[in-house]
Protein backbone atom coordinates (compact mmCIF):
# COMPACT_ATOMS: atom_id res chain seq x y z
CA MET A 1 -18.40 1.00 0.07
CA ASN A 2 -17.58 0.93 3.75
CA LYS A 3 -14.25 1.60 5.47
CA GLN A 4 -13.23 -2.07 5.58
CA GLU A 5 -13.90 -2.56 1.87
CA LEU A 6 -11.94 0.60 1.10
CA LEU A 7 -8.94 -0.56 3.13
CA LYS A 8 -9.00 -3.99 1.46
CA LYS A 9 -9.12 -2.50 -2.04
CA PHE A 10 -6.32 -0.07 -1.18
CA GLY A 11 -4.25 -2.94 0.23
CA LYS A 12 -4.80 -4.98 -2.91
CA ASN A 13 -3.56 -2.04 -5.03
CA VAL A 14 -0.46 -1.73 -2.84
CA LYS A 15 0.28 -5.45 -3.15
CA ILE A 16 -0.16 -5.41 -6.94
CA GLU A 17 2.22 -2.47 -7.34
CA ARG A 18 4.76 -3.97 -4.91
CA ILE A 19 4.79 -7.24 -6.84
CA LYS A 20 5.10 -5.37 -10.17
CA LYS A 21 8.25 -3.75 -8.78
CA ASP A 22 9.53 -7.19 -7.69
CA LEU A 23 9.77 -6.09 -4.06
CA THR A 24 9.13 -8.22 -1.00
CA GLN A 25 7.18 -6.79 1.93
CA GLU A 26 10.47 -6.69 3.82
CA GLN A 27 12.22 -4.72 1.08
CA LEU A 28 9.37 -2.22 0.88
CA SER A 29 9.33 -1.86 4.65
CA GLU A 30 13.06 -1.06 4.61
CA ILE A 31 12.54 1.62 1.92
CA LEU A 32 9.76 3.21 4.00
CA ASP A 33 11.57 2.66 7.31
CA VAL A 34 8.62 0.81 8.82
CA ASN A 35 8.07 -2.67 10.25
CA GLN A 36 7.35 -5.46 7.75
CA ASN A 37 4.21 -6.29 9.71
CA TYR A 38 2.92 -2.77 8.94
CA ILE A 39 3.14 -3.51 5.20
CA ALA A 40 1.41 -6.86 5.71
CA CYS A 41 -1.41 -5.15 7.61
CA ILE A 42 -1.83 -2.55 4.85
CA GLU A 43 -2.03 -5.23 2.17
CA CYS A 44 -4.58 -7.21 4.21
CA GLY A 45 -6.76 -4.15 4.78
CA ARG A 46 -6.18 -4.00 8.53
CA GLN A 47 -4.09 -0.83 8.61
CA ASN A 48 -5.28 2.69 7.85
CA MET A 49 -2.69 5.15 6.51
CA SER A 50 -2.47 8.92 6.56
CA LEU A 51 -2.40 10.75 3.24
CA GLY A 52 1.21 11.70 3.90
CA LYS A 53 2.21 8.06 4.33
CA ILE A 54 0.23 7.10 1.21
CA LEU A 55 2.25 9.70 -0.72
CA GLU A 56 5.50 8.24 0.66
CA LEU A 57 4.31 4.77 -0.32
CA ALA A 58 3.46 5.91 -3.85
CA ASP A 59 6.93 7.49 -4.15
CA ALA A 60 8.58 4.30 -2.87
CA LEU A 61 6.67 2.24 -5.44
CA ASP A 62 7.34 4.86 -8.15
CA VAL A 63 3.64 5.19 -9.02
CA GLU A 64 1.18 8.04 -9.06
CA ILE A 65 -0.84 8.28 -5.84
CA GLU A 66 -3.98 7.90 -7.97
CA THR A 67 -2.86 4.37 -8.88
CA LEU A 68 -3.07 3.33 -5.24
CA LEU A 69 -6.34 5.16 -4.69
CA LYS A 70 -8.18 3.66 -7.68
CA PHE A 71 -11.05 1.51 -6.42
CA LYS A 72 -12.93 0.31 -9.50
CA ASP A 73 -13.66 -3.42 -9.56
């Protein structure tokens, strides 16, 4: 797995969990105090995040960080 594949799989996990929580990208961006475009870029696999931000994201989605970092097909 290369970096681009990793980012895409992570983004897919984020999108799945966001939708499960019935949140829009805009609502999630407001919770995290970031731009909505940032969330869109994460979900599309174009944005890399620090571990600290991933932890904040997991907290905002009320999931374990491992859920977002699970990359099995």
